[in-house]
């Protein structure tokens, strides 16, 4: 915590506008509320890159917002529990989707990121259907960064660039055609 607070203080002194915590799961930090308060005190926004599971707990989410949380970037890996849970290696789908709903209803306007893989490339339209109607949010599709298992098993995990571009373009077009721009932004 002291090292993190020192970095927050230095970021504020350097004129930064936001601190973003990621890597592992930042929402399990026991000092997260204090960290949000420190950022707020220093005039910084706080953002989280998260699996979204802790957003399921509305009282924790409300305390974080009250302490200055202003940005959530949530990973969603599938349109259903089978794909999402397979890719996360945990029974996490229900909590993640509930967390997304809670964050949106709380006014955070989260960005929901799906990293496109061979396992979920056929579900992008279904992911759009799942997310549209929840509330104000951004649906984002990303390429896999080839490191770790993705690098070791590249052809089995990572779809080709043209295939991915076509699927992402089709999903965004589908979302815009079906839902327009009401409360949803799309990105890639």
N, C-alpha and C. Protein backbone atom coordinates (compact mmCIF):
# COMPACT_ATOMS: atom_id res chain seq x y z
N UNK A 1 0.82 -1.20 0.00
CA UNK A 1 0.00 0.00 0.00
C UNK A 1 0.86 1.26 0.00
N UNK A 2 1.89 1.35 0.84
CA UNK A 2 2.73 2.56 0.80
C UNK A 2 3.37 2.79 -0.58
N UNK A 3 3.82 1.72 -1.23
CA UNK A 3 4.40 1.87 -2.57
C UNK A 3 3.36 2.34 -3.57
N UNK A 4 2.16 1.80 -3.49
CA UNK A 4 1.09 2.21 -4.39
C UNK A 4 0.73 3.68 -4.15
N UNK A 5 0.60 4.06 -2.90
CA UNK A 5 0.28 5.45 -2.58
C UNK A 5 1.37 6.40 -3.06
N UNK A 6 2.63 5.97 -2.97
CA UNK A 6 3.73 6.78 -3.48
C UNK A 6 3.58 6.98 -4.99
N UNK A 7 3.23 5.93 -5.69
CA UNK A 7 3.02 6.04 -7.15
C UNK A 7 1.84 6.96 -7.46
N UNK A 8 0.78 6.87 -6.68
CA UNK A 8 -0.37 7.75 -6.87
C UNK A 8 0.05 9.20 -6.66
N UNK A 9 0.80 9.45 -5.61
CA UNK A 9 1.26 10.81 -5.33
C UNK A 9 2.15 11.33 -6.47
N UNK A 10 3.03 10.48 -6.98
CA UNK A 10 3.90 10.89 -8.09
C UNK A 10 3.10 11.13 -9.36
N UNK A 11 2.09 10.31 -9.61
CA UNK A 11 1.23 10.51 -10.79
C UNK A 11 0.51 11.84 -10.70
N UNK A 12 -0.01 12.15 -9.53
CA UNK A 12 -0.70 13.44 -9.34
C UNK A 12 0.28 14.59 -9.54
N UNK A 13 1.49 14.46 -9.01
CA UNK A 13 2.51 15.49 -9.15
C UNK A 13 2.97 15.68 -10.59
N UNK A 14 2.85 14.62 -11.40
CA UNK A 14 3.26 14.68 -12.80
C UNK A 14 2.13 15.18 -13.70
N UNK A 15 0.97 15.47 -13.11
CA UNK A 15 -0.13 16.00 -13.90
C UNK A 15 -1.02 14.95 -14.55
N UNK A 16 -0.88 13.70 -14.13
CA UNK A 16 -1.74 12.64 -14.68
C UNK A 16 -3.19 12.88 -14.25
N UNK A 17 -4.11 12.32 -15.02
CA UNK A 17 -5.53 12.48 -14.72
C UNK A 17 -6.17 11.23 -14.13
N UNK A 18 -5.55 10.05 -14.37
CA UNK A 18 -6.18 8.81 -13.95
C UNK A 18 -5.12 7.79 -13.56
N UNK A 19 -5.47 6.97 -12.59
CA UNK A 19 -4.69 5.80 -12.21
C UNK A 19 -5.54 4.59 -12.56
N UNK A 20 -4.95 3.63 -13.27
CA UNK A 20 -5.66 2.41 -13.64
C UNK A 20 -4.93 1.23 -13.02
N UNK A 21 -5.66 0.43 -12.25
CA UNK A 21 -5.11 -0.78 -11.65
C UNK A 21 -5.51 -1.98 -12.48
N UNK A 22 -4.53 -2.82 -12.78
CA UNK A 22 -4.81 -4.04 -13.54
C UNK A 22 -3.81 -5.10 -13.10
N UNK A 23 -3.76 -6.17 -13.86
CA UNK A 23 -2.78 -7.20 -13.59
C UNK A 23 -3.22 -8.09 -12.45
N UNK A 24 -3.42 -9.34 -12.69
CA UNK A 24 -4.09 -10.13 -11.68
C UNK A 24 -5.51 -9.60 -11.57
N UNK A 25 -6.01 -9.49 -10.40
CA UNK A 25 -7.37 -8.95 -10.20
C UNK A 25 -7.31 -7.85 -9.15
N UNK A 26 -7.38 -6.58 -9.57
CA UNK A 26 -7.23 -5.47 -8.63
C UNK A 26 -8.33 -5.38 -7.59
N UNK A 27 -9.50 -5.94 -7.88
CA UNK A 27 -10.61 -5.78 -6.93
C UNK A 27 -10.48 -6.66 -5.70
N UNK A 28 -9.48 -7.54 -5.65
CA UNK A 28 -9.29 -8.33 -4.44
C UNK A 28 -8.28 -7.68 -3.49
N UNK A 29 -7.77 -6.52 -3.87
CA UNK A 29 -6.85 -5.79 -2.99
C UNK A 29 -7.61 -5.36 -1.73
N UNK A 30 -7.05 -5.64 -0.58
CA UNK A 30 -7.70 -5.25 0.67
C UNK A 30 -7.66 -3.74 0.87
N UNK A 31 -6.80 -3.05 0.14
CA UNK A 31 -6.69 -1.59 0.28
C UNK A 31 -7.37 -0.83 -0.86
N UNK A 32 -8.26 -1.48 -1.57
CA UNK A 32 -8.86 -0.85 -2.75
C UNK A 32 -9.68 0.40 -2.40
N UNK A 33 -10.45 0.35 -1.34
CA UNK A 33 -11.25 1.52 -0.95
C UNK A 33 -10.32 2.66 -0.56
N UNK A 34 -9.28 2.36 0.19
CA UNK A 34 -8.31 3.40 0.57
C UNK A 34 -7.58 3.94 -0.66
N UNK A 35 -7.31 3.07 -1.62
CA UNK A 35 -6.65 3.49 -2.85
C UNK A 35 -7.55 4.44 -3.64
N UNK A 36 -8.83 4.08 -3.74
CA UNK A 36 -9.78 4.96 -4.44
C UNK A 36 -9.86 6.32 -3.74
N UNK A 37 -9.89 6.30 -2.41
CA UNK A 37 -9.96 7.55 -1.65
C UNK A 37 -8.69 8.38 -1.85
N UNK A 38 -7.54 7.72 -1.91
CA UNK A 38 -6.27 8.43 -2.11
C UNK A 38 -6.26 9.09 -3.49
N UNK A 39 -6.71 8.37 -4.51
CA UNK A 39 -6.78 8.94 -5.86
C UNK A 39 -7.71 10.15 -5.87
N UNK A 40 -8.87 10.01 -5.24
CA UNK A 40 -9.84 11.09 -5.19
C UNK A 40 -9.25 12.32 -4.49
N UNK A 41 -8.58 12.09 -3.39
CA UNK A 41 -7.96 13.18 -2.62
C UNK A 41 -6.92 13.92 -3.45
N UNK A 42 -6.23 13.19 -4.32
CA UNK A 42 -5.18 13.78 -5.14
C UNK A 42 -5.72 14.32 -6.47
N UNK A 43 -7.04 14.25 -6.67
CA UNK A 43 -7.65 14.77 -7.89
C UNK A 43 -7.51 13.85 -9.09
N UNK A 44 -7.29 12.57 -8.83
CA UNK A 44 -7.14 11.58 -9.90
C UNK A 44 -8.38 10.70 -9.99
N UNK A 45 -8.73 10.34 -11.20
CA UNK A 45 -9.76 9.32 -11.39
C UNK A 45 -9.12 7.95 -11.17
N UNK A 46 -9.92 6.99 -10.73
CA UNK A 46 -9.44 5.62 -10.56
C UNK A 46 -10.18 4.72 -11.52
N UNK A 47 -9.43 3.91 -12.25
CA UNK A 47 -10.01 2.92 -13.14
C UNK A 47 -9.50 1.54 -12.80
N UNK A 48 -10.29 0.54 -13.15
CA UNK A 48 -9.93 -0.85 -12.89
C UNK A 48 -10.08 -1.67 -14.17
N UNK A 49 -9.10 -2.52 -14.43
CA UNK A 49 -9.22 -3.56 -15.45
C UNK A 49 -9.48 -4.83 -14.65
N UNK A 50 -10.67 -5.39 -14.83
CA UNK A 50 -11.15 -6.43 -13.90
C UNK A 50 -11.89 -7.55 -14.62
N UNK A 51 -11.99 -8.68 -13.94
CA UNK A 51 -12.83 -9.76 -14.45
C UNK A 51 -14.30 -9.49 -14.12
N UNK A 52 -14.57 -8.46 -13.34
CA UNK A 52 -15.93 -8.03 -13.05
C UNK A 52 -16.65 -8.80 -11.97
N UNK A 53 -16.05 -9.84 -11.45
CA UNK A 53 -16.77 -10.69 -10.48
C UNK A 53 -17.09 -9.95 -9.19
N UNK A 54 -16.21 -9.10 -8.73
CA UNK A 54 -16.45 -8.39 -7.46
C UNK A 54 -17.48 -7.27 -7.64
N UNK A 55 -17.73 -6.86 -8.88
CA UNK A 55 -18.78 -5.87 -9.13
C UNK A 55 -20.16 -6.45 -8.83
N UNK A 56 -20.23 -7.77 -8.73
CA UNK A 56 -21.44 -8.48 -8.36
C UNK A 56 -21.94 -8.04 -6.99
N UNK A 57 -21.00 -7.68 -6.10
CA UNK A 57 -21.34 -7.28 -4.74
C UNK A 57 -21.62 -5.78 -4.73
N UNK A 58 -22.89 -5.44 -4.81
CA UNK A 58 -23.31 -4.05 -5.00
C UNK A 58 -22.83 -3.14 -3.86
N UNK A 59 -22.81 -3.64 -2.64
CA UNK A 59 -22.35 -2.79 -1.54
C UNK A 59 -20.87 -2.43 -1.70
N UNK A 60 -20.06 -3.37 -2.16
CA UNK A 60 -18.64 -3.09 -2.42
C UNK A 60 -18.50 -2.10 -3.57
N UNK A 61 -19.27 -2.31 -4.62
CA UNK A 61 -19.24 -1.39 -5.76
C UNK A 61 -19.64 0.01 -5.33
N UNK A 62 -20.69 0.14 -4.55
CA UNK A 62 -21.14 1.46 -4.08
C UNK A 62 -20.06 2.14 -3.23
N UNK A 63 -19.39 1.37 -2.36
CA UNK A 63 -18.32 1.95 -1.55
C UNK A 63 -17.16 2.43 -2.42
N UNK A 64 -16.86 1.68 -3.47
CA UNK A 64 -15.78 2.09 -4.37
C UNK A 64 -16.16 3.35 -5.14
N UNK A 65 -17.38 3.43 -5.61
CA UNK A 65 -17.83 4.63 -6.32
C UNK A 65 -17.80 5.82 -5.38
N UNK A 66 -18.29 5.63 -4.16
CA UNK A 66 -18.27 6.72 -3.18
C UNK A 66 -16.84 7.18 -2.89
N UNK A 67 -15.88 6.26 -3.04
CA UNK A 67 -14.47 6.60 -2.79
C UNK A 67 -13.75 7.12 -4.03
N UNK A 68 -14.44 7.16 -5.18
CA UNK A 68 -13.82 7.76 -6.35
C UNK A 68 -13.64 6.87 -7.56
N UNK A 69 -14.09 5.61 -7.54
CA UNK A 69 -13.99 4.76 -8.72
C UNK A 69 -14.78 5.38 -9.86
N UNK A 70 -14.15 5.52 -11.03
CA UNK A 70 -14.84 6.18 -12.13
C UNK A 70 -14.77 5.41 -13.45
N UNK A 71 -14.06 4.29 -13.50
CA UNK A 71 -13.87 3.59 -14.77
C UNK A 71 -13.69 2.11 -14.52
N UNK A 72 -14.44 1.28 -15.25
CA UNK A 72 -14.27 -0.18 -15.21
C UNK A 72 -14.10 -0.70 -16.63
N UNK A 73 -13.12 -1.56 -16.79
CA UNK A 73 -12.84 -2.24 -18.05
C UNK A 73 -12.95 -3.72 -17.72
N UNK A 74 -14.06 -4.34 -18.13
CA UNK A 74 -14.40 -5.69 -17.69
C UNK A 74 -14.21 -6.68 -18.83
N UNK A 75 -13.62 -7.82 -18.51
CA UNK A 75 -13.41 -8.89 -19.50
C UNK A 75 -14.60 -9.83 -19.51
N UNK A 76 -15.15 -10.06 -20.69
CA UNK A 76 -16.21 -11.05 -20.90
C UNK A 76 -15.77 -11.92 -22.06
N UNK A 77 -15.64 -13.21 -21.84
CA UNK A 77 -15.01 -14.08 -22.84
C UNK A 77 -15.97 -14.93 -23.65
N UNK A 78 -17.26 -14.89 -23.33
CA UNK A 78 -18.21 -15.69 -24.08
C UNK A 78 -19.62 -15.20 -23.85
N UNK A 79 -20.52 -15.64 -24.73
CA UNK A 79 -21.92 -15.25 -24.63
C UNK A 79 -22.70 -16.13 -23.67
N UNK A 80 -22.08 -17.18 -23.22
CA UNK A 80 -22.75 -18.09 -22.28
C UNK A 80 -21.73 -18.61 -21.28
N UNK A 81 -22.22 -19.29 -20.27
CA UNK A 81 -21.35 -19.76 -19.20
C UNK A 81 -20.36 -20.81 -19.69
N UNK A 82 -20.73 -21.61 -20.69
CA UNK A 82 -19.83 -22.68 -21.15
C UNK A 82 -18.54 -22.08 -21.70
N UNK A 83 -18.66 -21.16 -22.66
CA UNK A 83 -17.47 -20.57 -23.27
C UNK A 83 -16.72 -19.69 -22.28
N UNK A 84 -17.43 -18.79 -21.62
CA UNK A 84 -16.77 -17.87 -20.69
C UNK A 84 -16.03 -18.65 -19.60
N UNK A 85 -16.71 -19.62 -18.99
CA UNK A 85 -16.09 -20.37 -17.90
C UNK A 85 -14.91 -21.21 -18.40
N UNK A 86 -15.02 -21.76 -19.60
CA UNK A 86 -13.90 -22.51 -20.17
C UNK A 86 -12.67 -21.61 -20.32
N UNK A 87 -12.89 -20.42 -20.86
CA UNK A 87 -11.76 -19.52 -21.12
C UNK A 87 -11.20 -18.88 -19.85
N UNK A 88 -12.01 -18.74 -18.81
CA UNK A 88 -11.49 -18.19 -17.55
C UNK A 88 -11.00 -19.27 -16.60
N UNK A 89 -11.41 -20.50 -16.84
CA UNK A 89 -11.02 -21.58 -15.94
C UNK A 89 -11.71 -21.52 -14.60
N UNK A 90 -12.86 -20.83 -14.55
CA UNK A 90 -13.61 -20.69 -13.29
C UNK A 90 -15.09 -20.56 -13.61
N UNK A 91 -15.92 -20.88 -12.63
CA UNK A 91 -17.37 -20.71 -12.76
C UNK A 91 -17.69 -19.25 -12.47
N UNK A 92 -17.45 -18.38 -13.46
CA UNK A 92 -17.47 -16.93 -13.23
C UNK A 92 -18.51 -16.17 -14.06
N UNK A 93 -19.15 -16.82 -15.00
CA UNK A 93 -20.02 -16.12 -15.94
C UNK A 93 -21.12 -15.32 -15.25
N UNK A 94 -21.85 -15.95 -14.35
CA UNK A 94 -22.99 -15.29 -13.69
C UNK A 94 -22.53 -14.05 -12.92
N UNK A 95 -21.45 -14.19 -12.16
CA UNK A 95 -20.96 -13.03 -11.40
C UNK A 95 -20.47 -11.93 -12.32
N UNK A 96 -19.78 -12.29 -13.40
CA UNK A 96 -19.27 -11.27 -14.32
C UNK A 96 -20.41 -10.50 -14.97
N UNK A 97 -21.41 -11.21 -15.49
CA UNK A 97 -22.53 -10.52 -16.14
C UNK A 97 -23.31 -9.69 -15.12
N UNK A 98 -23.53 -10.22 -13.93
CA UNK A 98 -24.21 -9.44 -12.89
C UNK A 98 -23.40 -8.21 -12.51
N UNK A 99 -22.08 -8.36 -12.47
CA UNK A 99 -21.21 -7.22 -12.18
C UNK A 99 -21.30 -6.15 -13.24
N UNK A 100 -21.37 -6.56 -14.51
CA UNK A 100 -21.52 -5.61 -15.61
C UNK A 100 -22.83 -4.85 -15.46
N UNK A 101 -23.89 -5.57 -15.16
CA UNK A 101 -25.20 -4.93 -14.96
C UNK A 101 -25.12 -3.94 -13.80
N UNK A 102 -24.54 -4.34 -12.69
CA UNK A 102 -24.42 -3.44 -11.53
C UNK A 102 -23.62 -2.20 -11.87
N UNK A 103 -22.49 -2.38 -12.56
CA UNK A 103 -21.64 -1.22 -12.91
C UNK A 103 -22.38 -0.26 -13.82
N UNK A 104 -23.11 -0.79 -14.78
CA UNK A 104 -23.86 0.07 -15.69
C UNK A 104 -24.97 0.81 -14.95
N UNK A 105 -25.71 0.10 -14.12
CA UNK A 105 -26.79 0.73 -13.36
C UNK A 105 -26.27 1.77 -12.37
N UNK A 106 -25.04 1.59 -11.92
CA UNK A 106 -24.44 2.54 -10.99
C UNK A 106 -23.88 3.77 -11.70
N UNK A 107 -23.95 3.77 -13.04
CA UNK A 107 -23.51 4.93 -13.80
C UNK A 107 -22.05 4.93 -14.21
N UNK A 108 -21.37 3.79 -14.11
CA UNK A 108 -19.95 3.75 -14.47
C UNK A 108 -19.71 3.67 -15.98
N UNK A 109 -20.69 3.28 -16.76
CA UNK A 109 -20.54 3.14 -18.21
C UNK A 109 -19.32 2.29 -18.55
N UNK A 110 -19.31 1.03 -18.11
CA UNK A 110 -18.12 0.20 -18.27
C UNK A 110 -17.81 -0.13 -19.74
N UNK A 111 -16.54 -0.40 -19.98
CA UNK A 111 -16.11 -0.96 -21.25
C UNK A 111 -16.02 -2.47 -21.05
N UNK A 112 -16.70 -3.21 -21.91
CA UNK A 112 -16.69 -4.67 -21.83
C UNK A 112 -15.83 -5.17 -22.97
N UNK A 113 -14.74 -5.83 -22.63
CA UNK A 113 -13.78 -6.28 -23.63
C UNK A 113 -13.86 -7.78 -23.81
N UNK A 114 -13.98 -8.21 -25.07
CA UNK A 114 -13.90 -9.62 -25.42
C UNK A 114 -12.67 -9.82 -26.27
N UNK A 115 -11.75 -10.63 -25.78
CA UNK A 115 -10.57 -11.00 -26.56
C UNK A 115 -11.01 -12.15 -27.47
N UNK A 116 -10.90 -11.92 -28.78
CA UNK A 116 -11.41 -12.88 -29.76
C UNK A 116 -10.43 -14.04 -29.91
N UNK A 117 -10.95 -15.25 -29.72
CA UNK A 117 -10.16 -16.47 -29.84
C UNK A 117 -10.90 -17.45 -30.75
N UNK A 118 -10.26 -18.53 -31.07
CA UNK A 118 -10.95 -19.56 -31.87
C UNK A 118 -12.16 -20.09 -31.12
N UNK A 119 -12.10 -20.09 -29.81
CA UNK A 119 -13.19 -20.63 -28.99
C UNK A 119 -14.45 -19.75 -29.03
N UNK A 120 -14.30 -18.42 -29.15
CA UNK A 120 -15.47 -17.55 -29.05
C UNK A 120 -15.78 -16.75 -30.32
N UNK A 121 -15.01 -16.93 -31.38
CA UNK A 121 -15.19 -16.11 -32.57
C UNK A 121 -16.59 -16.26 -33.18
N UNK A 122 -17.21 -17.40 -33.00
CA UNK A 122 -18.56 -17.62 -33.52
C UNK A 122 -19.66 -17.05 -32.63
N UNK A 123 -19.30 -16.47 -31.49
CA UNK A 123 -20.28 -15.97 -30.53
C UNK A 123 -20.34 -14.45 -30.44
N UNK A 124 -19.65 -13.75 -31.32
CA UNK A 124 -19.57 -12.29 -31.17
C UNK A 124 -20.94 -11.62 -31.26
N UNK A 125 -21.79 -12.06 -32.20
CA UNK A 125 -23.14 -11.48 -32.28
C UNK A 125 -23.94 -11.79 -31.01
N UNK A 126 -23.77 -12.98 -30.48
CA UNK A 126 -24.48 -13.34 -29.25
C UNK A 126 -23.97 -12.51 -28.07
N UNK A 127 -22.69 -12.18 -28.06
CA UNK A 127 -22.16 -11.30 -27.01
C UNK A 127 -22.80 -9.92 -27.13
N UNK A 128 -22.93 -9.43 -28.36
CA UNK A 128 -23.61 -8.15 -28.59
C UNK A 128 -25.04 -8.23 -28.05
N UNK A 129 -25.76 -9.31 -28.37
CA UNK A 129 -27.14 -9.47 -27.88
C UNK A 129 -27.19 -9.49 -26.35
N UNK A 130 -26.24 -10.18 -25.74
CA UNK A 130 -26.21 -10.27 -24.28
C UNK A 130 -26.02 -8.90 -23.65
N UNK A 131 -25.13 -8.09 -24.21
CA UNK A 131 -24.76 -6.82 -23.60
C UNK A 131 -25.70 -5.67 -23.93
N UNK A 132 -26.25 -5.66 -25.13
CA UNK A 132 -27.14 -4.57 -25.52
C UNK A 132 -28.44 -4.68 -24.73
N UNK A 133 -28.86 -3.60 -24.18
CA UNK A 133 -30.05 -3.58 -23.35
C UNK A 133 -29.72 -3.55 -21.86
N UNK A 134 -28.48 -3.81 -21.50
CA UNK A 134 -28.08 -3.75 -20.09
C UNK A 134 -28.10 -2.31 -19.60
N UNK A 135 -27.63 -1.41 -20.43
CA UNK A 135 -27.51 -0.01 -20.05
C UNK A 135 -26.36 0.60 -20.81
N UNK A 136 -25.93 1.77 -20.39
CA UNK A 136 -24.87 2.47 -21.09
C UNK A 136 -23.53 1.77 -20.87
N UNK A 137 -22.93 1.31 -21.97
CA UNK A 137 -21.63 0.66 -21.91
C UNK A 137 -20.98 0.66 -23.28
N UNK A 138 -19.72 0.25 -23.30
CA UNK A 138 -18.98 0.12 -24.55
C UNK A 138 -18.65 -1.35 -24.74
N UNK A 139 -18.94 -1.88 -25.92
CA UNK A 139 -18.61 -3.25 -26.28
C UNK A 139 -17.34 -3.18 -27.14
N UNK A 140 -16.29 -3.85 -26.69
CA UNK A 140 -15.01 -3.79 -27.40
C UNK A 140 -14.53 -5.20 -27.70
N UNK A 141 -14.01 -5.39 -28.91
CA UNK A 141 -13.42 -6.67 -29.31
C UNK A 141 -11.93 -6.44 -29.54
N UNK A 142 -11.11 -7.34 -29.01
CA UNK A 142 -9.66 -7.19 -29.10
C UNK A 142 -9.01 -8.47 -29.64
N UNK A 143 -7.83 -8.28 -30.21
CA UNK A 143 -7.01 -9.41 -30.65
C UNK A 143 -6.27 -9.98 -29.44
N UNK A 144 -5.90 -11.23 -29.54
CA UNK A 144 -5.09 -11.88 -28.51
C UNK A 144 -3.66 -11.37 -28.61
N UNK A 145 -3.07 -11.06 -27.48
CA UNK A 145 -1.64 -10.76 -27.46
C UNK A 145 -0.91 -12.09 -27.36
N UNK A 146 -0.12 -12.43 -28.36
CA UNK A 146 0.50 -13.76 -28.38
C UNK A 146 1.66 -13.88 -27.38
N UNK A 147 1.31 -14.28 -26.17
CA UNK A 147 2.31 -14.57 -25.15
C UNK A 147 1.79 -15.75 -24.34
N UNK A 148 2.65 -16.37 -23.60
CA UNK A 148 2.25 -17.50 -22.78
C UNK A 148 1.67 -18.62 -23.62
N UNK A 149 0.53 -19.18 -23.17
CA UNK A 149 -0.10 -20.28 -23.89
C UNK A 149 -0.55 -19.89 -25.29
N UNK A 150 -0.97 -18.63 -25.46
CA UNK A 150 -1.40 -18.19 -26.79
C UNK A 150 -0.23 -18.22 -27.77
N UNK A 151 0.95 -17.94 -27.31
CA UNK A 151 2.13 -17.99 -28.18
C UNK A 151 2.55 -19.44 -28.44
N UNK A 152 2.52 -20.24 -27.39
CA UNK A 152 2.93 -21.64 -27.51
C UNK A 152 1.97 -22.44 -28.40
N UNK A 153 0.69 -22.10 -28.37
CA UNK A 153 -0.35 -22.83 -29.12
C UNK A 153 -1.06 -21.92 -30.11
N UNK A 154 -0.30 -21.03 -30.72
CA UNK A 154 -0.85 -19.96 -31.55
C UNK A 154 -1.91 -20.44 -32.55
N UNK A 155 -1.63 -21.42 -33.41
CA UNK A 155 -2.65 -21.78 -34.41
C UNK A 155 -3.93 -22.37 -33.83
N UNK A 156 -3.83 -22.98 -32.65
CA UNK A 156 -5.01 -23.58 -32.02
C UNK A 156 -5.86 -22.56 -31.28
N UNK A 157 -5.27 -21.45 -30.87
CA UNK A 157 -5.96 -20.47 -30.03
C UNK A 157 -6.31 -19.18 -30.77
N UNK A 158 -5.40 -18.72 -31.62
CA UNK A 158 -5.53 -17.40 -32.22
C UNK A 158 -6.07 -17.52 -33.65
N UNK A 159 -7.25 -16.95 -33.91
CA UNK A 159 -7.75 -16.94 -35.29
C UNK A 159 -6.91 -15.98 -36.14
N UNK A 160 -6.95 -16.20 -37.45
CA UNK A 160 -6.20 -15.34 -38.35
C UNK A 160 -6.72 -13.91 -38.34
N UNK A 161 -5.86 -12.99 -38.77
CA UNK A 161 -6.20 -11.57 -38.77
C UNK A 161 -7.42 -11.29 -39.64
N UNK A 162 -7.45 -11.82 -40.84
CA UNK A 162 -8.59 -11.58 -41.74
C UNK A 162 -9.89 -12.16 -41.16
N UNK A 163 -9.80 -13.36 -40.61
CA UNK A 163 -10.97 -14.01 -40.01
C UNK A 163 -11.48 -13.18 -38.83
N UNK A 164 -10.56 -12.73 -37.99
CA UNK A 164 -10.94 -11.93 -36.83
C UNK A 164 -11.53 -10.60 -37.25
N UNK A 165 -10.87 -9.93 -38.20
CA UNK A 165 -11.37 -8.63 -38.67
C UNK A 165 -12.77 -8.77 -39.25
N UNK A 166 -13.01 -9.82 -40.02
CA UNK A 166 -14.34 -10.02 -40.61
C UNK A 166 -15.39 -10.28 -39.53
N UNK A 167 -15.06 -11.10 -38.55
CA UNK A 167 -16.01 -11.41 -37.48
C UNK A 167 -16.30 -10.19 -36.61
N UNK A 168 -15.27 -9.43 -36.29
CA UNK A 168 -15.47 -8.23 -35.47
C UNK A 168 -16.28 -7.19 -36.23
N UNK A 169 -15.93 -6.96 -37.49
CA UNK A 169 -16.68 -6.01 -38.32
C UNK A 169 -18.14 -6.42 -38.43
N UNK A 170 -18.37 -7.71 -38.64
CA UNK A 170 -19.75 -8.21 -38.76
C UNK A 170 -20.51 -8.03 -37.45
N UNK A 171 -19.86 -8.28 -36.31
CA UNK A 171 -20.53 -8.14 -35.01
C UNK A 171 -20.86 -6.69 -34.71
N UNK A 172 -19.95 -5.78 -35.04
CA UNK A 172 -20.23 -4.36 -34.82
C UNK A 172 -21.36 -3.89 -35.73
N UNK A 173 -21.32 -4.30 -37.00
CA UNK A 173 -22.40 -3.95 -37.93
C UNK A 173 -23.73 -4.52 -37.45
N UNK A 174 -23.71 -5.76 -36.99
CA UNK A 174 -24.90 -6.40 -36.45
C UNK A 174 -25.45 -5.58 -35.28
N UNK A 175 -24.57 -5.20 -34.36
CA UNK A 175 -25.00 -4.43 -33.20
C UNK A 175 -25.59 -3.09 -33.57
N UNK A 176 -24.93 -2.39 -34.49
CA UNK A 176 -25.44 -1.08 -34.92
C UNK A 176 -26.76 -1.22 -35.66
N UNK A 177 -26.87 -2.24 -36.53
CA UNK A 177 -28.12 -2.44 -37.28
C UNK A 177 -29.27 -2.83 -36.35
N UNK A 178 -28.99 -3.69 -35.39
CA UNK A 178 -30.04 -4.20 -34.53
C UNK A 178 -30.38 -3.26 -33.38
N UNK A 179 -29.38 -2.59 -32.82
CA UNK A 179 -29.59 -1.81 -31.61
C UNK A 179 -29.34 -0.32 -31.79
N UNK A 180 -28.78 0.07 -32.92
CA UNK A 180 -28.47 1.47 -33.12
C UNK A 180 -27.39 1.91 -32.15
N UNK A 181 -27.45 3.14 -31.75
CA UNK A 181 -26.43 3.66 -30.83
C UNK A 181 -27.03 4.01 -29.48
N UNK A 182 -28.18 3.41 -29.14
CA UNK A 182 -28.80 3.71 -27.86
C UNK A 182 -28.03 3.05 -26.72
N UNK A 183 -27.38 3.85 -25.96
CA UNK A 183 -26.66 3.43 -24.76
C UNK A 183 -25.47 2.51 -25.00
N UNK A 184 -25.14 2.19 -26.26
CA UNK A 184 -24.04 1.27 -26.53
C UNK A 184 -23.09 1.89 -27.53
N UNK A 185 -21.81 1.79 -27.23
CA UNK A 185 -20.75 2.15 -28.17
C UNK A 185 -20.04 0.88 -28.54
N UNK A 186 -19.45 0.85 -29.73
CA UNK A 186 -18.68 -0.30 -30.16
C UNK A 186 -17.26 0.13 -30.48
N UNK A 187 -16.31 -0.76 -30.21
CA UNK A 187 -14.91 -0.46 -30.48
C UNK A 187 -14.19 -1.77 -30.80
N UNK A 188 -13.03 -1.60 -31.36
CA UNK A 188 -12.16 -2.78 -31.62
C UNK A 188 -10.72 -2.37 -31.47
